[in-house]
């Protein structure tokens, strides 16, 4: 009579469980790697849409501002400055 192969087991919070042949148990390292691969979610209101980056180089509203060099060139040439045209 042949005996059944001895199956590996592992202890879980639910109790002793049999590990299926050819299946590797999930380790803490595997769980941490899966969490690290997920995108970062905000702590407050994780379902809210992301706000646009309106700072520095990515600020679209700041691109409408007049350049300081425009004022200097206008002052050197005697032409009206960009703001003086808006005052009329």
PDB file of N, CA and C in Angstrom:
ATOM      1  N   UNK A   1       0.834  -1.155   0.000  1.00  0.00           N
ATOM      2  CA  UNK A   1       0.000   0.000   0.000  1.00  0.00           C
ATOM      3  C   UNK A   1       0.896   1.241   0.000  1.00  0.00           C
ATOM      4  N   UNK A   2       0.590   2.195  -0.881  1.00  0.00           N
ATOM      5  CA  UNK A   2       1.395   3.412  -0.947  1.00  0.00           C
ATOM      6  C   UNK A   2       0.773   4.463  -0.045  1.00  0.00           C
ATOM      7  N   UNK A   3       1.628   5.166   0.639  1.00  0.00           N
ATOM      8  CA  UNK A   3       1.121   6.217   1.518  1.00  0.00           C
ATOM      9  C   UNK A   3       1.002   7.525   0.737  1.00  0.00           C
ATOM     10  N   UNK A   4       0.123   8.382   1.169  1.00  0.00           N
ATOM     11  CA  UNK A   4      -0.077   9.679   0.523  1.00  0.00           C
ATOM     12  C   UNK A   4       1.137  10.554   0.791  1.00  0.00           C
ATOM     13  N   UNK A   5       1.506  11.394  -0.189  1.00  0.00           N
ATOM     14  CA  UNK A   5       2.665  12.274   0.052  1.00  0.00           C
ATOM     15  C   UNK A   5       2.358  13.254   1.183  1.00  0.00           C
ATOM     16  N   UNK A   6       3.392  13.566   1.921  1.00  0.00           N
ATOM     17  CA  UNK A   6       3.218  14.506   3.033  1.00  0.00           C
ATOM     18  C   UNK A   6       3.083  15.921   2.479  1.00  0.00           C
ATOM     19  N   UNK A   7       2.015  16.581   2.859  1.00  0.00           N
ATOM     20  CA  UNK A   7       1.747  17.934   2.376  1.00  0.00           C
ATOM     21  C   UNK A   7       2.315  18.958   3.353  1.00  0.00           C
ATOM     22  N   UNK A   8       2.813  20.045   2.801  1.00  0.00           N
ATOM     23  CA  UNK A   8       3.332  21.120   3.635  1.00  0.00           C
ATOM     24  C   UNK A   8       2.167  21.919   4.219  1.00  0.00           C
ATOM     25  N   UNK A   9       2.371  22.419   5.409  1.00  0.00           N
ATOM     26  CA  UNK A   9       1.344  23.244   6.046  1.00  0.00           C
ATOM     27  C   UNK A   9       1.967  24.539   6.536  1.00  0.00           C
ATOM     28  N   UNK A  10       1.115  25.516   6.783  1.00  0.00           N
ATOM     29  CA  UNK A  10       1.563  26.766   7.373  1.00  0.00           C
ATOM     30  C   UNK A  10       0.527  27.226   8.383  1.00  0.00           C
ATOM     31  N   UNK A  11       1.005  27.951   9.388  1.00  0.00           N
ATOM     32  CA  UNK A  11       0.108  28.463  10.410  1.00  0.00           C
ATOM     33  C   UNK A  11      -0.304  29.874  10.031  1.00  0.00           C
ATOM     34  N   UNK A  12      -1.605  30.103   9.982  1.00  0.00           N
ATOM     35  CA  UNK A  12      -2.159  31.414   9.657  1.00  0.00           C
ATOM     36  C   UNK A  12      -3.028  31.873  10.820  1.00  0.00           C
ATOM     37  N   UNK A  13      -3.498  33.132  10.807  1.00  0.00           N
ATOM     38  CA  UNK A  13      -4.395  33.570  11.881  1.00  0.00           C
ATOM     39  C   UNK A  13      -5.669  32.723  11.971  1.00  0.00           C
ATOM     40  N   UNK A  14      -6.067  32.095  10.859  1.00  0.00           N
ATOM     41  CA  UNK A  14      -7.257  31.253  10.861  1.00  0.00           C
ATOM     42  C   UNK A  14      -6.965  29.848  11.359  1.00  0.00           C
ATOM     43  N   UNK A  15      -5.705  29.473  11.453  1.00  0.00           N
ATOM     44  CA  UNK A  15      -5.325  28.131  11.905  1.00  0.00           C
ATOM     45  C   UNK A  15      -4.347  27.480  10.941  1.00  0.00           C
ATOM     46  N   UNK A  16      -4.116  26.199  11.129  1.00  0.00           N
ATOM     47  CA  UNK A  16      -3.189  25.435  10.285  1.00  0.00           C
ATOM     48  C   UNK A  16      -3.833  25.193   8.922  1.00  0.00           C
ATOM     49  N   UNK A  17      -3.099  25.496   7.842  1.00  0.00           N
ATOM     50  CA  UNK A  17      -3.634  25.305   6.494  1.00  0.00           C
ATOM     51  C   UNK A  17      -2.635  24.543   5.652  1.00  0.00           C
ATOM     52  N   UNK A  18      -3.149  23.744   4.736  1.00  0.00           N
ATOM     53  CA  UNK A  18      -2.303  22.952   3.844  1.00  0.00           C
ATOM     54  C   UNK A  18      -1.917  23.822   2.653  1.00  0.00           C
ATOM     55  N   UNK A  19      -0.651  23.725   2.273  1.00  0.00           N
ATOM     56  CA  UNK A  19      -0.156  24.442   1.095  1.00  0.00           C
ATOM     57  C   UNK A  19      -0.246  23.496  -0.088  1.00  0.00           C
ATOM     58  N   UNK A  20      -0.926  23.907  -1.148  1.00  0.00           N
ATOM     59  CA  UNK A  20      -1.083  23.073  -2.337  1.00  0.00           C
ATOM     60  C   UNK A  20       0.291  22.818  -2.954  1.00  0.00           C
ATOM     61  N   UNK A  21       0.493  21.623  -3.520  1.00  0.00           N
ATOM     62  CA  UNK A  21       1.782  21.321  -4.143  1.00  0.00           C
ATOM     63  C   UNK A  21       2.083  22.291  -5.285  1.00  0.00           C
ATOM     64  N   UNK A  22       3.296  22.796  -5.333  1.00  0.00           N
ATOM     65  CA  UNK A  22       3.727  23.716  -6.377  1.00  0.00           C
ATOM     66  C   UNK A  22       3.390  25.166  -6.105  1.00  0.00           C
ATOM     67  N   UNK A  23       2.752  25.470  -4.977  1.00  0.00           N
ATOM     68  CA  UNK A  23       2.382  26.835  -4.630  1.00  0.00           C
ATOM     69  C   UNK A  23       3.299  27.322  -3.524  1.00  0.00           C
ATOM     70  N   UNK A  24       3.866  28.478  -3.740  1.00  0.00           N
ATOM     71  CA  UNK A  24       4.766  29.065  -2.753  1.00  0.00           C
ATOM     72  C   UNK A  24       3.957  29.948  -1.809  1.00  0.00           C
ATOM     73  N   UNK A  25       4.171  29.860  -0.501  1.00  0.00           N
ATOM     74  CA  UNK A  25       3.422  30.735   0.410  1.00  0.00           C
ATOM     75  C   UNK A  25       3.804  32.197   0.217  1.00  0.00           C
ATOM     76  N   UNK A  26       2.847  33.088   0.445  1.00  0.00           N
ATOM     77  CA  UNK A  26       3.091  34.525   0.312  1.00  0.00           C
ATOM     78  C   UNK A  26       3.796  35.001   1.572  1.00  0.00           C
ATOM     79  N   UNK A  27       4.946  35.618   1.378  1.00  0.00           N
ATOM     80  CA  UNK A  27       5.738  36.096   2.507  1.00  0.00           C
ATOM     81  C   UNK A  27       5.459  37.573   2.761  1.00  0.00           C
ATOM     82  N   UNK A  28       5.955  38.059   3.882  1.00  0.00           N
ATOM     83  CA  UNK A  28       5.819  39.478   4.200  1.00  0.00           C
ATOM     84  C   UNK A  28       6.511  40.331   3.140  1.00  0.00           C
ATOM     85  N   UNK A  29       7.646  39.866   2.648  1.00  0.00           N
ATOM     86  CA  UNK A  29       8.368  40.593   1.593  1.00  0.00           C
ATOM     87  C   UNK A  29       7.510  40.722   0.330  1.00  0.00           C
ATOM     88  N   UNK A  30       6.788  39.645  -0.031  1.00  0.00           N
ATOM     89  CA  UNK A  30       5.904  39.692  -1.197  1.00  0.00           C
ATOM     90  C   UNK A  30       4.773  40.699  -0.993  1.00  0.00           C
ATOM     91  N   UNK A  31       4.207  40.725   0.204  1.00  0.00           N
ATOM     92  CA  UNK A  31       3.121  41.659   0.494  1.00  0.00           C
ATOM     93  C   UNK A  31       3.605  43.109   0.443  1.00  0.00           C
ATOM     94  N   UNK A  32       4.785  43.361   1.010  1.00  0.00           N
ATOM     95  CA  UNK A  32       5.330  44.724   0.999  1.00  0.00           C
ATOM     96  C   UNK A  32       5.679  45.175  -0.415  1.00  0.00           C
ATOM     97  N   UNK A  33       6.198  44.264  -1.232  1.00  0.00           N
ATOM     98  CA  UNK A  33       6.522  44.610  -2.622  1.00  0.00           C
ATOM     99  C   UNK A  33       5.259  44.972  -3.401  1.00  0.00           C
ATOM    100  N   UNK A  34       4.156  44.248  -3.142  1.00  0.00           N
ATOM    101  CA  UNK A  34       2.895  44.555  -3.826  1.00  0.00           C
ATOM    102  C   UNK A  34       2.357  45.912  -3.382  1.00  0.00           C
ATOM    103  N   UNK A  35       2.472  46.231  -2.101  1.00  0.00           N
ATOM    104  CA  UNK A  35       2.006  47.543  -1.607  1.00  0.00           C
ATOM    105  C   UNK A  35       2.862  48.676  -2.174  1.00  0.00           C
ATOM    106  N   UNK A  36       4.179  48.445  -2.291  1.00  0.00           N
ATOM    107  CA  UNK A  36       5.082  49.486  -2.807  1.00  0.00           C
ATOM    108  C   UNK A  36       4.833  49.746  -4.288  1.00  0.00           C
ATOM    109  N   UNK A  37       4.341  48.754  -5.016  1.00  0.00           N
ATOM    110  CA  UNK A  37       4.104  48.923  -6.454  1.00  0.00           C
ATOM    111  C   UNK A  37       2.813  49.694  -6.738  1.00  0.00           C
ATOM    112  N   UNK A  38       1.925  49.830  -5.740  1.00  0.00           N
ATOM    113  CA  UNK A  38       0.673  50.556  -5.947  1.00  0.00           C
ATOM    114  C   UNK A  38       0.933  52.058  -5.942  1.00  0.00           C
ATOM    115  N   UNK A  39       0.129  52.835  -6.689  1.00  0.00           N
ATOM    116  CA  UNK A  39       0.297  54.290  -6.652  1.00  0.00           C
ATOM    117  C   UNK A  39      -0.062  54.844  -5.276  1.00  0.00           C
ATOM    118  N   UNK A  40       0.561  55.943  -4.930  1.00  0.00           N
ATOM    119  CA  UNK A  40       0.321  56.570  -3.634  1.00  0.00           C
ATOM    120  C   UNK A  40      -1.052  57.226  -3.640  1.00  0.00           C
ATOM    121  N   UNK A  41      -1.838  56.947  -2.625  1.00  0.00           N
ATOM    122  CA  UNK A  41      -3.171  57.535  -2.494  1.00  0.00           C
ATOM    123  C   UNK A  41      -3.135  58.591  -1.397  1.00  0.00           C
ATOM    124  N   UNK A  42      -3.906  59.666  -1.554  1.00  0.00           N
ATOM    125  CA  UNK A  42      -3.922  60.679  -0.496  1.00  0.00           C
ATOM    126  C   UNK A  42      -4.550  60.121   0.781  1.00  0.00           C
ATOM    127  N   UNK A  43      -4.142  60.669   1.925  1.00  0.00           N
ATOM    128  CA  UNK A  43      -4.668  60.195   3.204  1.00  0.00           C
ATOM    129  C   UNK A  43      -6.095  60.658   3.422  1.00  0.00           C
ATOM    130  N   UNK A  44      -6.408  61.889   3.020  1.00  0.00           N
ATOM    131  CA  UNK A  44      -7.771  62.410   3.149  1.00  0.00           C
ATOM    132  C   UNK A  44      -8.465  62.335   1.805  1.00  0.00           C
ATOM    133  N   UNK A  45      -9.658  61.818   1.781  1.00  0.00           N
ATOM    134  CA  UNK A  45     -10.499  61.741   0.594  1.00  0.00           C
ATOM    135  C   UNK A  45      -9.762  61.111  -0.600  1.00  0.00           C
ATOM    136  N   UNK A  46      -9.455  59.808  -0.517  1.00  0.00           N
ATOM    137  CA  UNK A  46      -8.674  59.163  -1.585  1.00  0.00           C
ATOM    138  C   UNK A  46      -9.385  59.080  -2.926  1.00  0.00           C
ATOM    139  N   UNK A  47     -10.703  59.307  -2.974  1.00  0.00           N
ATOM    140  CA  UNK A  47     -11.441  59.220  -4.235  1.00  0.00           C
ATOM    141  C   UNK A  47     -11.584  60.568  -4.940  1.00  0.00           C
ATOM    142  N   UNK A  48     -11.050  61.623  -4.358  1.00  0.00           N
ATOM    143  CA  UNK A  48     -11.149  62.949  -4.971  1.00  0.00           C
ATOM    144  C   UNK A  48     -10.209  63.040  -6.176  1.00  0.00           C
ATOM    145  N   UNK A  49     -10.603  63.790  -7.212  1.00  0.00           N
ATOM    146  CA  UNK A  49      -9.704  63.942  -8.369  1.00  0.00           C
ATOM    147  C   UNK A  49      -8.477  64.775  -7.997  1.00  0.00           C
ATOM    148  N   UNK A  50      -7.386  64.516  -8.681  1.00  0.00           N
ATOM    149  CA  UNK A  50      -6.140  65.230  -8.404  1.00  0.00           C
ATOM    150  C   UNK A  50      -6.230  66.657  -8.937  1.00  0.00           C
ATOM    151  N   UNK A  51      -5.759  67.603  -8.151  1.00  0.00           N
ATOM    152  CA  UNK A  51      -5.741  69.006  -8.570  1.00  0.00           C
ATOM    153  C   UNK A  51      -4.558  69.245  -9.500  1.00  0.00           C
ATOM    154  N   UNK A  52      -4.689  70.172 -10.456  1.00  0.00           N
ATOM    155  CA  UNK A  52      -3.561  70.444 -11.350  1.00  0.00           C
ATOM    156  C   UNK A  52      -2.437  71.167 -10.602  1.00  0.00           C
ATOM    157  N   UNK A  53      -1.237  70.994 -11.095  1.00  0.00           N
ATOM    158  CA  UNK A  53      -0.072  71.660 -10.507  1.00  0.00           C
ATOM    159  C   UNK A  53       0.009  73.074 -11.094  1.00  0.00           C
ATOM    160  N   UNK A  54      -0.341  74.082 -10.300  1.00  0.00           N
ATOM    161  CA  UNK A  54      -0.337  75.469 -10.756  1.00  0.00           C
ATOM    162  C   UNK A  54       0.792  76.258 -10.108  1.00  0.00           C
ATOM    163  N   UNK A  55       1.947  75.675 -10.053  1.00  0.00           N
ATOM    164  CA  UNK A  55       3.092  76.334  -9.431  1.00  0.00           C
ATOM    165  C   UNK A  55       4.242  76.435 -10.416  1.00  0.00           C
ATOM    166  N   UNK A  56       4.932  77.550 -10.391  1.00  0.00           N
ATOM    167  CA  UNK A  56       6.171  77.716 -11.143  1.00  0.00           C
ATOM    168  C   UNK A  56       6.032  77.457 -12.627  1.00  0.00           C
ATOM    169  N   UNK A  57       6.794  76.530 -13.119  1.00  0.00           N
ATOM    170  CA  UNK A  57       6.875  76.233 -14.547  1.00  0.00           C
ATOM    171  C   UNK A  57       5.540  75.750 -15.108  1.00  0.00           C
ATOM    172  N   UNK A  58       4.713  75.084 -14.296  1.00  0.00           N
ATOM    173  CA  UNK A  58       3.474  74.504 -14.774  1.00  0.00           C
ATOM    174  C   UNK A  58       2.263  75.422 -14.605  1.00  0.00           C
ATOM    175  N   UNK A  59       2.461  76.633 -14.131  1.00  0.00           N
ATOM    176  CA  UNK A  59       1.368  77.566 -13.885  1.00  0.00           C
ATOM    177  C   UNK A  59       0.952  78.218 -15.197  1.00  0.00           C
ATOM    178  N   UNK A  60      -0.211  77.832 -15.709  1.00  0.00           N
ATOM    179  CA  UNK A  60      -0.688  78.377 -16.984  1.00  0.00           C
ATOM    180  C   UNK A  60      -1.149  79.823 -16.849  1.00  0.00           C
ATOM    181  N   UNK A  61      -1.647  80.216 -15.687  1.00  0.00           N
ATOM    182  CA  UNK A  61      -2.094  81.591 -15.486  1.00  0.00           C
ATOM    183  C   UNK A  61      -0.906  82.556 -15.476  1.00  0.00           C
ATOM    184  N   UNK A  62       0.242  82.140 -14.992  1.00  0.00           N
ATOM    185  CA  UNK A  62       1.413  83.016 -14.935  1.00  0.00           C
ATOM    186  C   UNK A  62       1.967  83.293 -16.332  1.00  0.00           C
ATOM    187  N   UNK A  63       1.643  82.465 -17.275  1.00  0.00           N
ATOM    188  CA  UNK A  63       2.143  82.682 -18.643  1.00  0.00           C
ATOM    189  C   UNK A  63       1.487  83.899 -19.287  1.00  0.00           C
ATOM    190  N   UNK A  64       0.380  84.370 -18.729  1.00  0.00           N
ATOM    191  CA  UNK A  64      -0.303  85.549 -19.257  1.00  0.00           C
ATOM    192  C   UNK A  64       0.308  86.843 -18.729  1.00  0.00           C
ATOM    193  N   UNK A  65       1.228  86.741 -17.792  1.00  0.00           N
ATOM    194  CA  UNK A  65       1.835  87.934 -17.225  1.00  0.00           C
ATOM    195  C   UNK A  65       2.793  88.564 -18.228  1.00  0.00           C
ATOM    196  N   UNK A  66       2.964  89.866 -18.101  1.00  0.00           N
ATOM    197  CA  UNK A  66       3.878  90.581 -18.990  1.00  0.00           C
ATOM    198  C   UNK A  66       5.305  90.419 -18.487  1.00  0.00           C
ATOM    199  N   UNK A  67       6.207  90.379 -19.410  1.00  0.00           N
ATOM    200  CA  UNK A  67       7.608  90.205 -19.063  1.00  0.00           C
ATOM    201  C   UNK A  67       8.205  91.551 -18.650  1.00  0.00           C
ATOM    202  N   UNK A  68       9.087  91.540 -17.670  1.00  0.00           N
ATOM    203  CA  UNK A  68       9.727  92.767 -17.204  1.00  0.00           C
ATOM    204  C   UNK A  68      10.586  93.395 -18.313  1.00  0.00           C
ATOM    205  N   UNK A  69      11.105  92.551 -19.202  1.00  0.00           N
ATOM    206  CA  UNK A  69      11.908  93.085 -20.301  1.00  0.00           C
ATOM    207  C   UNK A  69      11.071  93.941 -21.251  1.00  0.00           C
ATOM    208  N   UNK A  70       9.763  93.641 -21.368  1.00  0.00           N
ATOM    209  CA  UNK A  70       8.896  94.477 -22.195  1.00  0.00           C
ATOM    210  C   UNK A  70       8.855  95.912 -21.663  1.00  0.00           C
ATOM    211  N   UNK A  71       8.807  96.066 -20.330  1.00  0.00           N
ATOM    212  CA  UNK A  71       8.801  97.391 -19.725  1.00  0.00           C
ATOM    213  C   UNK A  71      10.128  98.118 -19.973  1.00  0.00           C
ATOM    214  N   UNK A  72      11.225  97.390 -19.843  1.00  0.00           N
ATOM    215  CA  UNK A  72      12.545  98.015 -20.031  1.00  0.00           C
ATOM    216  C   UNK A  72      12.734  98.462 -21.480  1.00  0.00           C
ATOM    217  N   UNK A  73      12.354  97.604 -22.420  1.00  0.00           N
ATOM    218  CA  UNK A  73      12.494  97.967 -23.838  1.00  0.00           C
ATOM    219  C   UNK A  73      11.613  99.170 -24.188  1.00  0.00           C
ATOM    220  N   UNK A  74      10.395  99.200 -23.639  1.00  0.00           N
ATOM    221  CA  UNK A  74       9.492 100.308 -23.907  1.00  0.00           C
ATOM    222  C   UNK A  74      10.032 101.601 -23.308  1.00  0.00           C
ATOM    223  N   UNK A  75      10.613 101.516 -22.126  1.00  0.00           N
ATOM    224  CA  UNK A  75      11.154 102.709 -21.473  1.00  0.00           C
ATOM    225  C   UNK A  75      12.374 103.227 -22.239  1.00  0.00           C
ATOM    226  N   UNK A  76      13.222 102.334 -22.749  1.00  0.00           N
ATOM    227  CA  UNK A  76      14.419 102.741 -23.499  1.00  0.00           C
ATOM    228  C   UNK A  76      14.058 103.364 -24.844  1.00  0.00           C
ATOM    229  N   UNK A  77      13.013 102.850 -25.498  1.00  0.00           N
ATOM    230  CA  UNK A  77      12.659 103.359 -26.820  1.00  0.00           C
ATOM    231  C   UNK A  77      11.682 104.527 -26.757  1.00  0.00           C
ATOM    232  N   UNK A  78      11.147 104.817 -25.577  1.00  0.00           N
ATOM    233  CA  UNK A  78      10.187 105.906 -25.435  1.00  0.00           C
ATOM    234  C   UNK A  78       8.771 105.501 -25.797  1.00  0.00           C
ATOM    235  N   UNK A  79       8.570 104.250 -26.119  1.00  0.00           N
ATOM    236  CA  UNK A  79       7.224 103.764 -26.453  1.00  0.00           C
ATOM    237  C   UNK A  79       6.413 103.627 -25.170  1.00  0.00           C
ATOM    238  N   UNK A  80       5.086 103.650 -25.273  1.00  0.00           N
ATOM    239  CA  UNK A  80       4.271 103.473 -24.066  1.00  0.00           C
ATOM    240  C   UNK A  80       4.482 102.073 -23.479  1.00  0.00           C
ATOM    241  N   UNK A  81       4.467 102.008 -22.188  1.00  0.00           N
ATOM    242  CA  UNK A  81       4.635 100.702 -21.526  1.00  0.00           C
ATOM    243  C   UNK A  81       3.363  99.886 -21.713  1.00  0.00           C
ATOM    244  N   UNK A  82       3.444  98.574 -21.601  1.00  0.00           N
ATOM    245  CA  UNK A  82       2.255  97.736 -21.825  1.00  0.00           C
ATOM    246  C   UNK A  82       1.075  98.107 -20.931  1.00  0.00           C
ATOM    247  N   UNK A  83       1.295  98.537 -19.702  1.00  0.00           N
ATOM    248  CA  UNK A  83       0.192  98.904 -18.805  1.00  0.00           C
ATOM    249  C   UNK A  83      -0.451 100.230 -19.199  1.00  0.00           C
ATOM    250  N   UNK A  84       0.315 101.146 -19.758  1.00  0.00           N
ATOM    251  CA  UNK A  84      -0.259 102.449 -20.102  1.00  0.00           C
ATOM    252  C   UNK A  84      -1.241 102.343 -21.265  1.00  0.00           C
ATOM    253  N   UNK A  85      -1.136 101.285 -22.078  1.00  0.00           N
ATOM    254  CA  UNK A  85      -2.094 101.077 -23.153  1.00  0.00           C
ATOM    255  C   UNK A  85      -3.438 100.616 -22.607  1.00  0.00           C
ATOM    256  N   UNK A  86      -3.428  99.897 -21.468  1.00  0.00           N
ATOM    257  CA  UNK A  86      -4.669  99.417 -20.873  1.00  0.00           C
ATOM    258  C   UNK A  86      -5.436 100.518 -20.163  1.00  0.00           C
ATOM    259  N   UNK A  87      -4.777 101.599 -19.767  1.00  0.00           N
ATOM    260  CA  UNK A  87      -5.402 102.665 -18.984  1.00  0.00           C
ATOM    261  C   UNK A  87      -6.279 103.569 -19.836  1.00  0.00           C
ATOM    262  N   UNK A  88      -6.113 103.585 -21.146  1.00  0.00           N
ATOM    263  CA  UNK A  88      -6.884 104.478 -22.022  1.00  0.00           C
ATOM    264  C   UNK A  88      -8.331 104.133 -22.084  1.00  0.00           C
TER     265      UNK A  88
END
